[in-house]
């Protein structure tokens, strides 16, 4: 939570600096490598050759000091702006005058895969953020964006059916998933049948839909056991999986097409090119929607349903480029000003 406080403080201070000195500085925050400091910013490297460097530094420090959130702001190392947090003022709710609706997306368990330390870590971080906002008097919406849909269930269900496996726990499910993926990559006939099953699953065809539901229940049971053991507040009622948004994807697709912010290929594929020309694939030529489309549909649903003041994502850093592209697209659609 302190990271967000510092980031917003620095962002506000930099906005004043940018306007005053006609600059385009961007806030950058990381944990401090220097003793007695909590966080540091490499912002000063962006002005290392500026003729008014010292004045800019003074203005930055003064702006940050006025927030009351820090008791130690100094230049350290080769030019880092380092901070020590005043925890009392950062946690003080006296200055919190507006109750907000805050939606926190964390956990992100995947069906058919055992949870790893990354999932558990995001659970703790997400729970801390959620608890802190509740402490401030905000209304918190907890979301577990369950990975429970997509082409991978075609080969998983195909493998289970062919081998007549009776899946009873998440370890068996994970083993079946790994073996199914290997066979999907090596056996063309198996891959063709798996793709057919994935299509049938989207129409809730039996017996595949019931088998898929069983796989989901097994994974959710393990998740509930872990969250309960650690006393975390996120649970089954907070799940909104990819399957939840799947029926709405054609509608979202049409909205994107009508907006003109995406590129539609002659083969029917849909791509969004970011401001940095990074391609974000939304739909394949075979009609299959990709993860980004589900994430976009989730943002649309969340804003329309909960009207949150903030949406906070707790995800792996390796997904940062993906989400930056998703947020950029949604901002152009005027959906994600809260993220």
Protein backbone atom coordinates (compact mmCIF):
# COMPACT_ATOMS: atom_id res chain seq x y z
CA UNK A 1 0.00 0.00 0.00
CA UNK A 2 2.89 2.34 0.78
CA UNK A 3 4.16 1.87 -2.76
CA UNK A 4 0.93 3.33 -4.13
CA UNK A 5 1.07 6.24 -1.67
CA UNK A 6 4.65 7.08 -2.69
CA UNK A 7 3.91 6.62 -6.37
CA UNK A 8 0.95 9.00 -6.23
CA UNK A 9 2.90 11.53 -4.16
CA UNK A 10 5.79 11.44 -6.62
CA UNK A 11 3.43 11.58 -9.58
CA UNK A 12 1.80 14.72 -8.21
CA UNK A 13 5.16 16.33 -7.43
CA UNK A 14 6.48 15.52 -10.91
CA UNK A 15 3.38 16.95 -12.54
CA UNK A 16 4.19 20.29 -10.90
CA UNK A 17 7.83 20.00 -11.99
CA UNK A 18 6.88 19.13 -15.55
CA UNK A 19 4.61 22.17 -15.79
CA UNK A 20 7.10 24.52 -14.16
CA UNK A 21 10.19 23.47 -16.14
CA UNK A 22 8.54 22.20 -19.37
CA UNK A 23 9.72 18.64 -18.79
CA UNK A 24 8.25 15.19 -19.40
CA UNK A 25 9.54 13.27 -16.38
CA UNK A 26 7.99 9.92 -15.49
CA UNK A 27 7.73 8.58 -11.89
CA UNK A 28 9.84 5.50 -11.17
CA UNK A 29 9.88 3.76 -7.77
CA UNK A 30 11.82 0.77 -6.43
CA UNK A 31 12.85 -0.66 -3.09
CA UNK A 32 15.86 1.13 -1.68
CA UNK A 33 19.34 -0.38 -1.77
CA UNK A 34 20.52 2.16 0.79
CA UNK A 35 20.47 1.77 4.56
CA UNK A 36 17.73 3.58 6.50
CA UNK A 37 15.59 4.17 3.40
CA UNK A 38 12.47 2.27 2.36
CA UNK A 39 12.15 3.25 -1.30
CA UNK A 40 14.14 5.09 -3.93
CA UNK A 41 13.49 6.77 -7.26
CA UNK A 42 15.76 7.06 -10.28
CA UNK A 43 13.91 10.21 -11.34
CA UNK A 44 17.06 12.34 -10.94
CA UNK A 45 18.84 10.48 -13.73
CA UNK A 46 16.28 11.96 -16.10
CA UNK A 47 17.51 15.47 -15.25
CA UNK A 48 21.22 14.73 -14.77
CA UNK A 49 22.26 17.27 -17.44
CA UNK A 50 19.54 19.85 -16.86
CA UNK A 51 20.93 23.35 -16.15
CA UNK A 52 18.38 23.84 -13.34
CA UNK A 53 18.92 20.41 -11.80
CA UNK A 54 19.44 21.68 -8.23
CA UNK A 55 16.29 23.81 -8.31
CA UNK A 56 14.26 20.87 -9.63
CA UNK A 57 15.58 18.64 -6.85
CA UNK A 58 14.69 21.22 -4.21
CA UNK A 59 11.17 21.56 -5.62
CA UNK A 60 10.71 17.78 -5.64
CA UNK A 61 11.86 17.39 -2.05
CA UNK A 62 9.70 20.30 -0.88
CA UNK A 63 6.62 18.90 -2.62
CA UNK A 64 7.13 15.47 -1.10
CA UNK A 65 7.85 16.91 2.35
CA UNK A 66 4.54 18.77 2.35
CA UNK A 67 2.62 15.47 2.15
CA UNK A 68 3.79 14.54 5.65
CA UNK A 69 4.34 10.95 4.52
CA UNK A 70 8.15 10.97 4.85
CA UNK A 71 10.65 11.82 7.58
CA UNK A 72 13.76 11.32 5.44
CA UNK A 73 14.20 12.42 1.81
CA UNK A 74 17.76 12.60 0.51
CA UNK A 75 20.02 12.10 -2.50
CA UNK A 76 21.84 8.77 -2.19
CA UNK A 77 24.29 6.72 -4.21
CA UNK A 78 24.94 8.03 -7.70
CA UNK A 79 21.86 10.20 -7.73
CA UNK A 80 18.85 8.36 -6.35
CA UNK A 81 16.08 10.21 -4.54
CA UNK A 82 15.55 8.03 -1.45
CA UNK A 83 12.59 7.99 0.95
CA UNK A 84 11.88 6.82 4.48
CA UNK A 85 8.20 6.33 5.19
CA UNK A 86 6.32 7.98 8.00
CA UNK A 87 4.12 4.96 8.69
CA UNK A 88 1.85 6.77 11.11
CA UNK A 89 0.68 9.34 8.55
CA UNK A 90 0.47 6.76 5.75
CA UNK A 91 -1.91 4.66 7.85
CA UNK A 92 -3.73 7.60 9.45
CA UNK A 93 -7.37 7.68 8.38
CA UNK A 94 -8.11 11.13 9.80
CA UNK A 95 -7.40 12.74 6.46
CA UNK A 96 -9.46 10.19 4.57
CA UNK A 97 -12.66 12.08 3.83
CA UNK A 98 -14.15 10.28 0.82
CA UNK A 99 -15.33 6.71 0.98
CA UNK A 100 -14.47 4.90 -2.23
CA UNK A 101 -15.30 1.67 -4.00
CA UNK A 102 -12.01 -0.16 -4.56
CA UNK A 103 -11.84 -3.33 -6.64
CA UNK A 104 -8.77 -5.53 -6.06
CA UNK A 105 -7.92 -8.24 -8.61
CA UNK A 106 -5.69 -10.84 -6.99
CA UNK A 107 -5.13 -14.57 -6.53
CA UNK A 108 -5.59 -15.58 -10.21
CA UNK A 109 -5.68 -19.34 -9.66
CA UNK A 110 -5.57 -21.51 -12.80
CA UNK A 111 -7.75 -24.58 -13.11
CA UNK A 112 -5.88 -27.87 -13.68
CA UNK A 113 -2.63 -26.52 -12.27
CA UNK A 114 -1.40 -26.67 -8.70
CA UNK A 115 -1.00 -23.30 -7.02
CA UNK A 116 2.57 -22.06 -6.75
CA UNK A 117 4.27 -19.56 -4.47
CA UNK A 118 3.47 -16.71 -6.88
CA UNK A 119 -0.26 -17.27 -6.42
CA UNK A 120 0.09 -17.42 -2.65
CA UNK A 121 2.25 -14.29 -2.59
CA UNK A 122 -0.31 -12.32 -4.60
CA UNK A 123 -3.03 -13.57 -2.24
CA UNK A 124 -1.21 -12.05 0.74
CA UNK A 125 -0.43 -8.80 -1.05
CA UNK A 126 -3.98 -8.50 -2.37
CA UNK A 127 -5.46 -9.27 1.02
CA UNK A 128 -3.26 -6.63 2.68
CA UNK A 129 -4.32 -4.00 0.14
CA UNK A 130 -7.97 -4.97 0.54
CA UNK A 131 -7.80 -4.95 4.35
CA UNK A 132 -6.08 -1.57 4.31
CA UNK A 133 -8.83 -0.03 2.18
CA UNK A 134 -11.46 -1.52 4.45
CA UNK A 135 -9.58 0.04 7.37
CA UNK A 136 -9.90 3.38 5.60
CA UNK A 137 -13.65 2.88 5.38
CA UNK A 138 -13.75 2.03 1.69
CA UNK A 139 -16.01 -0.56 0.13
CA UNK A 140 -13.76 -3.33 -1.23
CA UNK A 141 -14.62 -5.75 -4.02
CA UNK A 142 -12.28 -8.74 -4.01
CA UNK A 143 -11.88 -10.59 -7.31
CA UNK A 144 -10.22 -13.91 -8.13
CA UNK A 145 -9.85 -13.89 -11.93
CA UNK A 146 -9.91 -17.69 -12.29
CA UNK A 147 -8.16 -19.15 -15.34
CA UNK A 148 -10.91 -21.63 -16.20
CA UNK A 149 -11.56 -21.32 -19.93
CA UNK A 150 -9.84 -21.56 -23.28
CA UNK A 151 -8.30 -23.98 -25.74
CA UNK A 152 -6.24 -25.79 -23.09
CA UNK A 153 -9.36 -27.46 -21.73
CA UNK A 154 -9.89 -29.10 -25.10
CA UNK A 155 -6.75 -31.19 -24.80
CA UNK A 156 -7.17 -31.72 -21.04
CA UNK A 157 -10.71 -33.08 -21.40
CA UNK A 158 -9.72 -35.10 -24.47
CA UNK A 159 -6.85 -36.72 -22.57
CA UNK A 160 -9.02 -37.52 -19.56
CA UNK A 161 -11.72 -39.05 -21.77
CA UNK A 162 -9.35 -41.16 -23.90
CA UNK A 163 -7.53 -42.56 -20.88
CA UNK A 164 -10.69 -42.89 -18.77
CA UNK A 165 -9.01 -41.14 -15.86
CA UNK A 166 -10.96 -40.61 -12.65
CA UNK A 167 -9.60 -37.31 -11.38
CA UNK A 168 -9.97 -36.97 -7.61
CA UNK A 169 -7.50 -34.24 -6.58
CA UNK A 170 -5.47 -31.34 -7.94
CA UNK A 171 -2.22 -33.33 -8.12
CA UNK A 172 -3.83 -35.85 -10.46
CA UNK A 173 -5.37 -33.01 -12.42
CA UNK A 174 -2.01 -31.26 -12.81
CA UNK A 175 -0.35 -34.48 -14.02
CA UNK A 176 -3.13 -35.04 -16.56
CA UNK A 177 -2.75 -31.44 -17.77
CA UNK A 178 1.01 -31.81 -18.34
CA UNK A 179 0.59 -35.12 -20.18
CA UNK A 180 -2.27 -33.72 -22.25
CA UNK A 181 -0.25 -30.69 -23.34
CA UNK A 182 2.69 -32.93 -24.37
CA UNK A 183 0.40 -35.11 -26.45
CA UNK A 184 -1.28 -32.05 -27.98
CA UNK A 185 2.12 -30.83 -29.19
CA UNK A 186 3.22 -34.22 -30.54
CA UNK A 187 0.06 -35.84 -31.93
CA UNK A 188 -1.72 -33.97 -34.79
CA UNK A 189 -4.83 -36.19 -34.63
CA UNK A 190 -5.11 -35.63 -30.88
CA UNK A 191 -4.73 -31.88 -31.43
CA UNK A 192 -7.52 -31.79 -34.02
CA UNK A 193 -9.90 -33.68 -31.73
CA UNK A 194 -8.90 -31.44 -28.79
CA UNK A 195 -9.74 -28.31 -30.75
CA UNK A 196 -13.14 -29.79 -31.60
CA UNK A 197 -13.79 -30.50 -27.92
CA UNK A 198 -12.78 -26.95 -26.97
CA UNK A 199 -15.41 -25.65 -29.40
CA UNK A 200 -18.04 -28.05 -28.02
CA UNK A 201 -17.22 -26.95 -24.48
CA UNK A 202 -18.00 -23.33 -25.39
CA UNK A 203 -21.53 -24.51 -26.23
CA UNK A 204 -21.79 -26.40 -22.89
CA UNK A 205 -22.00 -29.75 -24.69
CA UNK A 206 -22.00 -32.89 -22.57
CA UNK A 207 -20.15 -34.81 -21.29
CA UNK A 208 -17.42 -32.20 -21.64
CA UNK A 209 -19.13 -29.44 -19.72
CA UNK A 210 -19.74 -31.64 -16.66
CA UNK A 211 -16.16 -32.90 -16.76
CA UNK A 212 -14.87 -29.32 -17.04
CA UNK A 213 -17.03 -28.33 -14.06
CA UNK A 214 -15.54 -31.19 -12.02
CA UNK A 215 -12.01 -29.98 -12.86
CA UNK A 216 -12.93 -26.47 -11.73
CA UNK A 217 -14.43 -27.72 -8.47
CA UNK A 218 -11.27 -29.68 -7.65
CA UNK A 219 -9.03 -26.64 -8.15
CA UNK A 220 -11.38 -24.32 -6.26
CA UNK A 221 -11.54 -26.74 -3.32
CA UNK A 222 -7.74 -26.63 -3.00
CA UNK A 223 -7.76 -22.83 -3.24
CA UNK A 224 -10.40 -22.55 -0.51
CA UNK A 225 -8.37 -24.84 1.73
CA UNK A 226 -5.25 -22.68 1.38
CA UNK A 227 -6.99 -19.33 1.84
CA UNK A 228 -8.83 -20.67 4.88
CA UNK A 229 -5.61 -22.03 6.42
CA UNK A 230 -3.90 -18.64 6.11
CA UNK A 231 -6.97 -16.68 7.22
CA UNK A 232 -7.28 -14.78 3.95
CA UNK A 233 -10.61 -13.20 3.12
CA UNK A 234 -10.79 -14.07 -0.58
CA UNK A 235 -12.92 -17.16 -1.19
CA UNK A 236 -15.22 -18.93 -3.64
CA UNK A 237 -17.81 -16.15 -3.74
CA UNK A 238 -15.14 -13.78 -5.09
CA UNK A 239 -14.46 -15.87 -8.19
CA UNK A 240 -15.17 -14.34 -11.58
CA UNK A 241 -13.42 -16.67 -14.00
CA UNK A 242 -12.76 -16.30 -17.70
CA UNK A 243 -15.78 -18.53 -18.34
CA UNK A 244 -17.95 -15.89 -16.65
CA UNK A 245 -17.00 -13.32 -19.30
CA UNK A 246 -16.97 -15.70 -22.28
CA UNK A 247 -20.64 -15.17 -23.31
CA UNK A 248 -20.04 -11.40 -23.49
CA UNK A 249 -16.98 -11.53 -25.78
CA UNK A 250 -18.88 -11.13 -29.10
CA UNK A 251 -20.46 -7.96 -27.69
CA UNK A 252 -17.06 -6.64 -26.55
CA UNK A 253 -15.61 -7.51 -29.96
CA UNK A 254 -18.27 -5.44 -31.69
CA UNK A 255 -17.65 -2.50 -29.37
CA UNK A 256 -13.94 -2.60 -30.20
CA UNK A 257 -14.59 -2.84 -33.92
CA UNK A 258 -17.04 0.05 -33.85
CA UNK A 259 -14.55 2.21 -31.96
CA UNK A 260 -11.87 1.86 -34.61
CA UNK A 261 -9.09 1.35 -32.03
CA UNK A 262 -8.36 -2.22 -33.19
CA UNK A 263 -7.19 -3.66 -36.50
CA UNK A 264 -9.29 -6.40 -38.11
CA UNK A 265 -7.41 -8.69 -40.49
CA UNK A 266 -8.83 -10.15 -43.69
CA UNK A 267 -8.67 -13.54 -41.96
CA UNK A 268 -10.91 -12.29 -39.13
CA UNK A 269 -8.13 -11.83 -36.59
CA UNK A 270 -8.19 -8.79 -34.30
CA UNK A 271 -5.08 -6.96 -33.09
CA UNK A 272 -4.53 -3.83 -31.05
CA UNK A 273 -1.27 -1.98 -31.66
CA UNK A 274 -0.12 0.01 -28.64
CA UNK A 275 1.37 3.49 -28.71
CA UNK A 276 4.77 1.76 -28.72
CA UNK A 277 3.65 -0.44 -31.63
CA UNK A 278 3.46 -3.52 -29.40
CA UNK A 279 0.90 -5.93 -30.94
CA UNK A 280 -1.76 -7.22 -28.58
CA UNK A 281 -3.56 -10.20 -30.14
CA UNK A 282 -7.23 -10.32 -29.19
CA UNK A 283 -8.67 -12.90 -31.58
CA UNK A 284 -7.13 -15.52 -33.85
CA UNK A 285 -8.11 -16.17 -37.44
CA UNK A 286 -9.78 -19.43 -36.31
CA UNK A 287 -12.18 -17.43 -34.12
CA UNK A 288 -10.51 -18.22 -30.79
CA UNK A 289 -10.36 -15.35 -28.30
CA UNK A 290 -7.10 -14.82 -26.40
CA UNK A 291 -6.43 -13.82 -22.79
CA UNK A 292 -6.40 -10.10 -23.57
CA UNK A 293 -10.00 -10.19 -24.74
CA UNK A 294 -11.08 -11.79 -21.47
CA UNK A 295 -9.16 -9.14 -19.50
CA UNK A 296 -10.82 -6.38 -21.54
CA UNK A 297 -14.26 -7.90 -20.99
CA UNK A 298 -13.51 -8.11 -17.26
CA UNK A 299 -12.67 -4.41 -17.06
CA UNK A 300 -15.84 -3.47 -18.95
CA UNK A 301 -17.98 -5.63 -16.64
CA UNK A 302 -16.32 -4.35 -13.47
CA UNK A 303 -16.76 -0.70 -14.34
CA UNK A 304 -20.37 -1.17 -15.45
CA UNK A 305 -21.29 -3.35 -12.45
CA UNK A 306 -19.38 -1.85 -9.51
CA UNK A 307 -18.53 1.68 -10.75
CA UNK A 308 -15.27 1.56 -8.76
CA UNK A 309 -13.18 4.60 -7.89
CA UNK A 310 -10.07 2.42 -8.19
CA UNK A 311 -9.18 -0.94 -9.70
CA UNK A 312 -5.95 -2.46 -8.38
CA UNK A 313 -4.30 -5.45 -10.05
CA UNK A 314 -1.89 -7.68 -8.11
CA UNK A 315 -0.07 -9.64 -10.82
CA UNK A 316 3.35 -11.02 -11.70
CA UNK A 317 5.78 -8.39 -12.99
CA UNK A 318 6.26 -10.54 -16.12
CA UNK A 319 2.68 -9.67 -17.08
CA UNK A 320 3.30 -5.92 -16.91
CA UNK A 321 3.62 -5.38 -20.68
CA UNK A 322 0.44 -7.34 -21.28
CA UNK A 323 -1.58 -5.32 -18.78
CA UNK A 324 -0.09 -2.01 -19.87
CA UNK A 325 -1.39 -2.78 -23.36
CA UNK A 326 -4.81 -3.84 -22.04
CA UNK A 327 -5.13 -0.72 -19.88
CA UNK A 328 -4.03 1.50 -22.76
CA UNK A 329 -6.71 0.04 -25.02
CA UNK A 330 -9.41 0.38 -22.36
CA UNK A 331 -8.36 3.96 -21.69
CA UNK A 332 -8.89 4.73 -25.37
CA UNK A 333 -12.33 3.19 -24.97
CA UNK A 334 -12.89 5.49 -21.94
CA UNK A 335 -13.38 2.45 -19.69
CA UNK A 336 -10.30 2.26 -17.48
CA UNK A 337 -9.65 5.67 -15.96
CA UNK A 338 -9.84 3.97 -12.57
CA UNK A 339 -7.12 1.33 -13.10
